[in-house]
N, C-alpha and C. Protein backbone atom coordinates (compact mmCIF):
# COMPACT_ATOMS: atom_id res chain seq x y z
N MET A 1 107.39 48.85 56.22
CA MET A 1 108.34 49.80 56.73
C MET A 1 108.40 49.67 58.25
N THR A 2 109.60 49.63 58.81
CA THR A 2 109.75 49.48 60.25
C THR A 2 110.08 50.83 60.87
N THR A 3 109.82 50.90 62.16
CA THR A 3 110.09 52.15 62.87
C THR A 3 111.36 52.04 63.71
N GLU A 4 112.11 50.94 63.52
CA GLU A 4 113.34 50.79 64.27
C GLU A 4 114.34 51.86 63.85
N GLY A 5 115.03 52.44 64.87
CA GLY A 5 116.04 53.45 64.58
C GLY A 5 115.44 54.83 64.40
N LYS A 6 114.14 54.93 64.31
CA LYS A 6 113.51 56.24 64.18
C LYS A 6 113.07 56.72 65.56
N PHE A 7 113.07 58.01 65.75
CA PHE A 7 112.70 58.62 67.01
C PHE A 7 111.18 58.70 67.11
N ARG A 8 110.64 58.14 68.17
CA ARG A 8 109.19 58.21 68.39
C ARG A 8 108.90 59.19 69.52
N ILE A 9 107.94 60.04 69.31
CA ILE A 9 107.56 61.02 70.32
C ILE A 9 106.38 60.49 71.10
N ASN A 10 106.55 60.47 72.39
CA ASN A 10 105.52 60.00 73.29
C ASN A 10 104.56 61.15 73.57
N ASN A 11 103.26 60.92 73.44
CA ASN A 11 102.27 61.98 73.70
C ASN A 11 102.37 62.52 75.12
N GLY A 12 102.71 61.69 76.07
CA GLY A 12 102.88 62.13 77.46
C GLY A 12 104.02 63.14 77.59
N ALA A 13 105.12 62.90 76.85
CA ALA A 13 106.25 63.82 76.88
C ALA A 13 105.87 65.18 76.31
N ILE A 14 105.09 65.18 75.25
CA ILE A 14 104.64 66.44 74.65
C ILE A 14 103.80 67.21 75.67
N TRP A 15 102.91 66.50 76.35
CA TRP A 15 102.05 67.13 77.34
C TRP A 15 102.86 67.77 78.47
N VAL A 16 103.87 67.08 78.97
CA VAL A 16 104.71 67.60 80.05
C VAL A 16 105.48 68.84 79.58
N VAL A 17 106.05 68.79 78.40
CA VAL A 17 106.79 69.94 77.85
C VAL A 17 105.85 71.14 77.68
N ALA A 18 104.65 70.91 77.19
CA ALA A 18 103.68 71.99 76.99
C ALA A 18 103.29 72.63 78.31
N VAL A 19 103.04 71.83 79.33
CA VAL A 19 102.66 72.36 80.65
C VAL A 19 103.81 73.19 81.23
N ILE A 20 105.01 72.68 81.14
CA ILE A 20 106.17 73.43 81.66
C ILE A 20 106.33 74.75 80.92
N ALA A 21 106.16 74.74 79.60
CA ALA A 21 106.27 75.97 78.81
C ALA A 21 105.22 77.00 79.25
N VAL A 22 104.00 76.56 79.47
CA VAL A 22 102.94 77.47 79.90
C VAL A 22 103.26 78.06 81.27
N ILE A 23 103.76 77.24 82.19
CA ILE A 23 104.10 77.72 83.53
C ILE A 23 105.23 78.75 83.45
N VAL A 24 106.25 78.47 82.67
CA VAL A 24 107.37 79.41 82.52
C VAL A 24 106.89 80.73 81.93
N ILE A 25 106.05 80.68 80.93
CA ILE A 25 105.52 81.91 80.31
C ILE A 25 104.65 82.67 81.32
N ALA A 26 103.81 81.97 82.07
CA ALA A 26 102.95 82.63 83.05
C ALA A 26 103.77 83.34 84.13
N PHE A 27 104.82 82.68 84.64
CA PHE A 27 105.66 83.33 85.64
C PHE A 27 106.41 84.52 85.04
N GLY A 28 106.85 84.40 83.81
CA GLY A 28 107.52 85.52 83.15
C GLY A 28 106.61 86.72 83.03
N ILE A 29 105.38 86.50 82.67
CA ILE A 29 104.42 87.60 82.56
C ILE A 29 104.11 88.17 83.94
N ALA A 30 103.91 87.31 84.92
CA ALA A 30 103.57 87.77 86.27
C ALA A 30 104.67 88.65 86.86
N PHE A 31 105.92 88.29 86.65
CA PHE A 31 107.01 89.07 87.21
C PHE A 31 107.25 90.35 86.42
N ALA A 32 106.73 90.47 85.23
CA ALA A 32 106.90 91.67 84.44
C ALA A 32 105.73 92.64 84.62
N VAL A 33 104.72 92.23 85.37
CA VAL A 33 103.52 93.05 85.54
C VAL A 33 103.83 94.25 86.42
N GLU A 34 103.44 95.39 85.95
CA GLU A 34 103.53 96.61 86.74
C GLU A 34 102.17 97.28 86.68
N CYS A 35 101.70 97.71 87.80
CA CYS A 35 100.39 98.33 87.85
C CYS A 35 100.45 99.46 88.87
N GLU A 36 99.89 100.58 88.52
CA GLU A 36 99.84 101.72 89.42
C GLU A 36 98.48 102.37 89.27
N LYS A 37 97.80 102.55 90.40
CA LYS A 37 96.49 103.19 90.31
C LYS A 37 96.24 104.00 91.57
N PRO A 38 95.49 105.10 91.43
CA PRO A 38 95.14 105.89 92.61
C PRO A 38 94.09 105.16 93.44
N VAL A 39 94.20 105.30 94.74
CA VAL A 39 93.22 104.73 95.66
C VAL A 39 92.87 105.77 96.72
N SER A 40 91.81 105.53 97.44
CA SER A 40 91.43 106.45 98.52
C SER A 40 92.19 106.08 99.79
N MET A 41 92.25 107.02 100.73
CA MET A 41 92.97 106.80 101.99
C MET A 41 92.48 105.57 102.73
N ASP A 42 91.19 105.28 102.65
CA ASP A 42 90.66 104.15 103.39
C ASP A 42 91.09 102.80 102.80
N LYS A 43 91.73 102.82 101.63
CA LYS A 43 92.26 101.59 101.03
C LYS A 43 93.67 101.27 101.52
N LEU A 44 94.29 102.21 102.25
CA LEU A 44 95.60 101.94 102.84
C LEU A 44 95.44 100.90 103.95
N PRO A 45 96.45 100.07 104.17
CA PRO A 45 96.39 99.16 105.33
C PRO A 45 96.22 99.96 106.62
N THR A 46 95.64 99.35 107.62
CA THR A 46 95.33 100.03 108.88
C THR A 46 96.55 100.68 109.51
N SER A 47 97.69 99.99 109.51
CA SER A 47 98.89 100.56 110.14
C SER A 47 99.39 101.78 109.37
N ALA A 48 99.21 101.81 108.06
CA ALA A 48 99.58 102.99 107.27
C ALA A 48 98.65 104.16 107.59
N GLN A 49 97.37 103.88 107.75
CA GLN A 49 96.43 104.93 108.13
C GLN A 49 96.78 105.50 109.50
N SER A 50 97.15 104.63 110.44
CA SER A 50 97.54 105.08 111.78
C SER A 50 98.79 105.95 111.72
N PHE A 51 99.74 105.57 110.88
CA PHE A 51 100.97 106.35 110.69
C PHE A 51 100.62 107.76 110.19
N MET A 52 99.73 107.83 109.22
CA MET A 52 99.34 109.12 108.65
C MET A 52 98.67 110.00 109.70
N VAL A 53 97.80 109.42 110.50
CA VAL A 53 97.10 110.18 111.54
C VAL A 53 98.08 110.65 112.61
N ARG A 54 99.03 109.78 112.96
CA ARG A 54 99.98 110.12 114.02
C ARG A 54 100.96 111.22 113.61
N TYR A 55 101.56 111.08 112.43
CA TYR A 55 102.63 112.00 112.04
C TYR A 55 102.18 113.15 111.14
N TYR A 56 101.09 113.01 110.44
CA TYR A 56 100.64 114.05 109.52
C TYR A 56 99.13 114.32 109.67
N PRO A 57 98.68 114.62 110.89
CA PRO A 57 97.24 114.76 111.11
C PRO A 57 96.61 115.95 110.39
N ASP A 58 97.35 117.02 110.20
CA ASP A 58 96.78 118.22 109.59
C ASP A 58 97.22 118.44 108.15
N SER A 59 97.92 117.48 107.57
CA SER A 59 98.42 117.63 106.20
C SER A 59 97.38 117.20 105.19
N ASP A 60 97.34 117.92 104.09
CA ASP A 60 96.41 117.59 103.01
C ASP A 60 97.05 116.60 102.06
N VAL A 61 96.39 115.48 101.86
CA VAL A 61 96.88 114.45 100.95
C VAL A 61 96.37 114.76 99.55
N ALA A 62 97.28 114.85 98.60
CA ALA A 62 96.90 115.11 97.21
C ALA A 62 96.57 113.81 96.48
N LEU A 63 97.30 112.74 96.79
CA LEU A 63 97.16 111.50 96.04
C LEU A 63 97.68 110.33 96.86
N VAL A 64 96.99 109.21 96.77
CA VAL A 64 97.47 107.94 97.32
C VAL A 64 97.49 106.95 96.16
N LYS A 65 98.65 106.32 95.96
CA LYS A 65 98.80 105.35 94.86
C LYS A 65 99.07 103.97 95.42
N LYS A 66 98.50 102.99 94.77
CA LYS A 66 98.82 101.59 95.05
C LYS A 66 99.61 101.10 93.85
N GLU A 67 100.78 100.52 94.11
CA GLU A 67 101.64 100.05 93.03
C GLU A 67 101.91 98.56 93.20
N ILE A 68 101.85 97.85 92.10
CA ILE A 68 102.22 96.44 92.08
C ILE A 68 103.35 96.32 91.06
N ASP A 69 104.50 95.90 91.55
CA ASP A 69 105.68 95.75 90.69
C ASP A 69 106.40 94.48 91.11
N ASP A 70 106.57 93.58 90.17
CA ASP A 70 107.20 92.28 90.45
C ASP A 70 106.51 91.57 91.61
N LEU A 71 105.20 91.61 91.61
CA LEU A 71 104.35 90.97 92.60
C LEU A 71 104.50 91.56 94.01
N GLU A 72 105.12 92.73 94.13
CA GLU A 72 105.25 93.41 95.41
C GLU A 72 104.29 94.59 95.43
N VAL A 73 103.50 94.69 96.48
CA VAL A 73 102.54 95.78 96.61
C VAL A 73 103.14 96.86 97.50
N THR A 74 103.07 98.11 97.03
CA THR A 74 103.47 99.26 97.85
C THR A 74 102.43 100.35 97.68
N TYR A 75 102.39 101.23 98.66
CA TYR A 75 101.50 102.38 98.62
C TYR A 75 102.35 103.63 98.79
N THR A 76 101.96 104.72 98.12
CA THR A 76 102.64 105.99 98.28
C THR A 76 101.59 107.07 98.48
N ALA A 77 101.78 107.84 99.56
CA ALA A 77 100.91 108.99 99.82
C ALA A 77 101.71 110.24 99.49
N VAL A 78 101.11 111.11 98.68
CA VAL A 78 101.76 112.36 98.28
C VAL A 78 100.94 113.51 98.86
N PHE A 79 101.59 114.38 99.62
CA PHE A 79 100.91 115.51 100.24
C PHE A 79 101.00 116.74 99.34
N VAL A 80 100.14 117.69 99.59
CA VAL A 80 100.10 118.93 98.81
C VAL A 80 101.45 119.67 98.88
N ASP A 81 102.14 119.59 100.02
CA ASP A 81 103.43 120.29 100.17
C ASP A 81 104.60 119.55 99.53
N GLY A 82 104.35 118.39 98.90
CA GLY A 82 105.41 117.63 98.23
C GLY A 82 105.96 116.48 99.03
N THR A 83 105.62 116.40 100.30
CA THR A 83 106.07 115.28 101.13
C THR A 83 105.49 113.98 100.59
N GLN A 84 106.31 112.93 100.61
CA GLN A 84 105.86 111.61 100.15
C GLN A 84 106.19 110.56 101.20
N VAL A 85 105.24 109.66 101.42
CA VAL A 85 105.45 108.55 102.34
C VAL A 85 105.16 107.26 101.58
N ALA A 86 106.12 106.34 101.58
CA ALA A 86 105.95 105.05 100.92
C ALA A 86 105.76 103.97 101.99
N PHE A 87 104.81 103.08 101.74
CA PHE A 87 104.50 101.99 102.66
C PHE A 87 104.66 100.66 101.95
N ARG A 88 105.07 99.65 102.70
CA ARG A 88 105.07 98.28 102.19
C ARG A 88 103.62 97.80 102.13
N GLY A 89 103.39 96.68 101.50
CA GLY A 89 102.04 96.15 101.34
C GLY A 89 101.33 95.87 102.66
N ASN A 90 102.10 95.62 103.72
CA ASN A 90 101.51 95.35 105.03
C ASN A 90 101.23 96.63 105.82
N GLY A 91 101.56 97.79 105.25
CA GLY A 91 101.29 99.07 105.90
C GLY A 91 102.46 99.64 106.67
N GLU A 92 103.56 98.92 106.76
CA GLU A 92 104.74 99.41 107.45
C GLU A 92 105.40 100.49 106.59
N TRP A 93 105.78 101.62 107.20
CA TRP A 93 106.41 102.68 106.41
C TRP A 93 107.78 102.21 105.94
N LYS A 94 108.16 102.66 104.76
CA LYS A 94 109.48 102.28 104.27
C LYS A 94 110.31 103.49 103.89
N LYS A 95 109.66 104.59 103.47
CA LYS A 95 110.42 105.77 103.07
C LYS A 95 109.56 107.01 103.25
N VAL A 96 110.21 108.08 103.78
CA VAL A 96 109.53 109.37 103.93
C VAL A 96 110.46 110.43 103.36
N GLU A 97 109.92 111.22 102.45
CA GLU A 97 110.70 112.31 101.86
C GLU A 97 109.95 113.62 102.09
N GLY A 98 110.57 114.50 102.86
CA GLY A 98 109.94 115.78 103.15
C GLY A 98 110.27 116.85 102.13
N ARG A 99 111.16 116.54 101.21
CA ARG A 99 111.64 117.49 100.21
C ARG A 99 112.21 118.73 100.90
N ILE A 100 111.41 119.74 101.10
CA ILE A 100 111.90 120.97 101.73
C ILE A 100 111.47 121.08 103.19
N LYS A 101 110.60 120.20 103.62
CA LYS A 101 110.05 120.24 104.97
C LYS A 101 110.73 119.20 105.85
N SER A 102 111.00 119.55 107.10
CA SER A 102 111.58 118.60 108.04
C SER A 102 110.58 117.51 108.38
N LEU A 103 111.12 116.34 108.69
CA LEU A 103 110.27 115.24 109.13
C LEU A 103 109.89 115.46 110.59
N PRO A 104 108.75 114.93 111.02
CA PRO A 104 108.40 115.01 112.44
C PRO A 104 109.51 114.38 113.28
N SER A 105 109.93 115.07 114.32
CA SER A 105 111.09 114.61 115.10
C SER A 105 110.88 113.26 115.76
N ASP A 106 109.66 112.95 116.18
CA ASP A 106 109.44 111.67 116.85
C ASP A 106 109.36 110.48 115.89
N MET A 107 109.44 110.74 114.59
CA MET A 107 109.47 109.68 113.59
C MET A 107 110.88 109.07 113.49
N VAL A 108 111.88 109.88 113.76
CA VAL A 108 113.28 109.47 113.61
C VAL A 108 113.73 108.78 114.91
N PRO A 109 114.41 107.63 114.80
CA PRO A 109 114.93 106.98 116.01
C PRO A 109 115.77 107.94 116.84
N VAL A 110 115.62 107.88 118.15
CA VAL A 110 116.26 108.82 119.07
C VAL A 110 117.78 108.87 118.89
N GLN A 111 118.40 107.71 118.70
CA GLN A 111 119.86 107.67 118.56
C GLN A 111 120.31 108.43 117.31
N ILE A 112 119.55 108.32 116.23
CA ILE A 112 119.90 109.02 114.99
C ILE A 112 119.71 110.52 115.18
N SER A 113 118.61 110.92 115.79
CA SER A 113 118.37 112.35 116.05
C SER A 113 119.47 112.94 116.91
N ALA A 114 119.89 112.21 117.94
CA ALA A 114 120.94 112.70 118.83
C ALA A 114 122.25 112.90 118.07
N TYR A 115 122.60 111.94 117.21
CA TYR A 115 123.83 112.05 116.43
C TYR A 115 123.77 113.27 115.51
N ILE A 116 122.66 113.45 114.84
CA ILE A 116 122.53 114.56 113.89
C ILE A 116 122.51 115.90 114.63
N ASN A 117 121.81 115.98 115.75
CA ASN A 117 121.78 117.23 116.52
C ASN A 117 123.16 117.62 117.04
N GLN A 118 123.97 116.62 117.39
CA GLN A 118 125.31 116.89 117.90
C GLN A 118 126.28 117.22 116.76
N THR A 119 126.20 116.47 115.66
CA THR A 119 127.18 116.60 114.58
C THR A 119 126.81 117.70 113.58
N PHE A 120 125.52 117.83 113.30
CA PHE A 120 125.04 118.82 112.34
C PHE A 120 123.92 119.64 112.97
N PRO A 121 124.24 120.50 113.95
CA PRO A 121 123.19 121.19 114.71
C PRO A 121 122.28 122.09 113.87
N GLU A 122 122.74 122.56 112.75
CA GLU A 122 121.93 123.45 111.90
C GLU A 122 121.11 122.69 110.86
N ALA A 123 121.38 121.42 110.69
CA ALA A 123 120.72 120.63 109.63
C ALA A 123 119.36 120.13 110.08
N ARG A 124 118.50 119.94 109.08
CA ARG A 124 117.18 119.36 109.31
C ARG A 124 117.08 118.05 108.55
N ILE A 125 116.39 117.09 109.11
CA ILE A 125 116.19 115.80 108.43
C ILE A 125 115.02 115.95 107.47
N THR A 126 115.29 115.71 106.18
CA THR A 126 114.24 115.84 105.17
C THR A 126 113.88 114.51 104.51
N GLY A 127 114.63 113.46 104.83
CA GLY A 127 114.32 112.15 104.26
C GLY A 127 114.79 111.04 105.17
N LEU A 128 113.99 109.97 105.22
CA LEU A 128 114.32 108.82 106.04
C LEU A 128 113.81 107.57 105.34
N GLU A 129 114.69 106.59 105.20
CA GLU A 129 114.29 105.33 104.57
C GLU A 129 114.82 104.18 105.41
N HIS A 130 113.95 103.21 105.67
CA HIS A 130 114.36 102.02 106.40
C HIS A 130 114.46 100.88 105.41
N LYS A 131 115.69 100.50 105.11
CA LYS A 131 115.95 99.37 104.22
C LYS A 131 116.39 98.20 105.08
N ARG A 132 116.74 97.17 104.42
CA ARG A 132 117.23 95.98 105.13
C ARG A 132 118.47 96.33 105.94
N ARG A 133 118.33 96.31 107.24
CA ARG A 133 119.41 96.52 108.21
C ARG A 133 120.00 97.92 108.28
N VAL A 134 119.48 98.89 107.54
CA VAL A 134 120.00 100.26 107.64
C VAL A 134 118.88 101.30 107.55
N TYR A 135 119.17 102.45 108.17
CA TYR A 135 118.36 103.64 107.98
C TYR A 135 119.17 104.58 107.11
N GLU A 136 118.58 105.08 106.04
CA GLU A 136 119.22 106.11 105.23
C GLU A 136 118.57 107.44 105.60
N VAL A 137 119.40 108.43 105.91
CA VAL A 137 118.92 109.73 106.36
C VAL A 137 119.42 110.80 105.40
N LYS A 138 118.50 111.67 104.95
CA LYS A 138 118.89 112.80 104.10
C LYS A 138 118.70 114.07 104.89
N LEU A 139 119.71 114.92 104.83
CA LEU A 139 119.64 116.20 105.51
C LEU A 139 119.44 117.33 104.49
N ASP A 140 118.96 118.47 104.96
CA ASP A 140 118.73 119.59 104.04
C ASP A 140 120.02 120.22 103.52
N ASN A 141 121.16 119.86 104.09
CA ASN A 141 122.45 120.36 103.59
C ASN A 141 123.07 119.39 102.58
N ARG A 142 122.25 118.48 102.07
CA ARG A 142 122.61 117.50 101.04
C ARG A 142 123.53 116.38 101.52
N ILE A 143 123.71 116.27 102.79
CA ILE A 143 124.48 115.16 103.34
C ILE A 143 123.54 113.98 103.52
N GLU A 144 124.03 112.79 103.16
CA GLU A 144 123.26 111.56 103.34
C GLU A 144 124.05 110.62 104.24
N LEU A 145 123.36 110.06 105.22
CA LEU A 145 123.99 109.20 106.20
C LEU A 145 123.28 107.85 106.23
N GLU A 146 124.02 106.82 106.57
CA GLU A 146 123.43 105.49 106.77
C GLU A 146 123.80 105.01 108.15
N PHE A 147 122.79 104.48 108.86
CA PHE A 147 122.99 103.95 110.20
C PHE A 147 122.54 102.49 110.24
N ASP A 148 123.29 101.68 110.95
CA ASP A 148 122.88 100.31 111.23
C ASP A 148 121.58 100.38 112.02
N ASP A 149 120.61 99.53 111.72
CA ASP A 149 119.32 99.64 112.39
C ASP A 149 119.25 98.88 113.72
N ARG A 150 120.33 98.26 114.13
CA ARG A 150 120.33 97.57 115.42
C ARG A 150 121.04 98.40 116.49
N ASN A 151 122.24 98.88 116.15
CA ASN A 151 123.03 99.64 117.12
C ASN A 151 123.08 101.13 116.81
N PHE A 152 122.48 101.52 115.68
CA PHE A 152 122.42 102.91 115.23
C PHE A 152 123.81 103.52 115.11
N VAL A 153 124.75 102.72 114.61
CA VAL A 153 126.11 103.16 114.36
C VAL A 153 126.17 103.68 112.94
N LEU A 154 126.87 104.78 112.74
CA LEU A 154 127.04 105.34 111.40
C LEU A 154 127.86 104.37 110.55
N VAL A 155 127.32 103.98 109.38
CA VAL A 155 128.03 103.04 108.51
C VAL A 155 128.39 103.65 107.17
N ASP A 156 127.81 104.80 106.81
CA ASP A 156 128.17 105.46 105.55
C ASP A 156 127.84 106.94 105.65
N TYR A 157 128.67 107.73 104.98
CA TYR A 157 128.55 109.19 104.99
C TYR A 157 128.77 109.66 103.57
N ASP A 158 127.83 110.38 103.01
CA ASP A 158 127.96 110.87 101.64
C ASP A 158 127.61 112.36 101.63
N ASP A 159 128.59 113.18 101.22
CA ASP A 159 128.31 114.63 101.16
C ASP A 159 128.33 115.15 99.76
């Protein structure tokens, strides 16, 4: 019996396909991994600890969480009064939500504070988020504003 015309499988080809399949499965699992666990304040990156001391020196922290989602590490500090501060893995702040409490005034860029004080003199800033190229600001009157993070120009208004 001859093997002409029949398909022969090369052992090397099987090995390459198997390795590629394992790599694809491993990356799929890695990107689907979500992990959240409580940590102590001293486990926060140094810059996050400095932020907490500077802006919330007398506030009681109820919980600090370390979260891993899609291979991105973030930390969230939750205070007894409901305020939450989210940090990137390097310790840089990314979001602050005061809920019912105003944010410390020196936390907000001066240009944004000036605009809000002039346009909404009775409003208090209760949320601030720094995303890619914009600051999102939440006021206690339910107005949400977005400012360009370079020139601090208003780019969106939602009431």
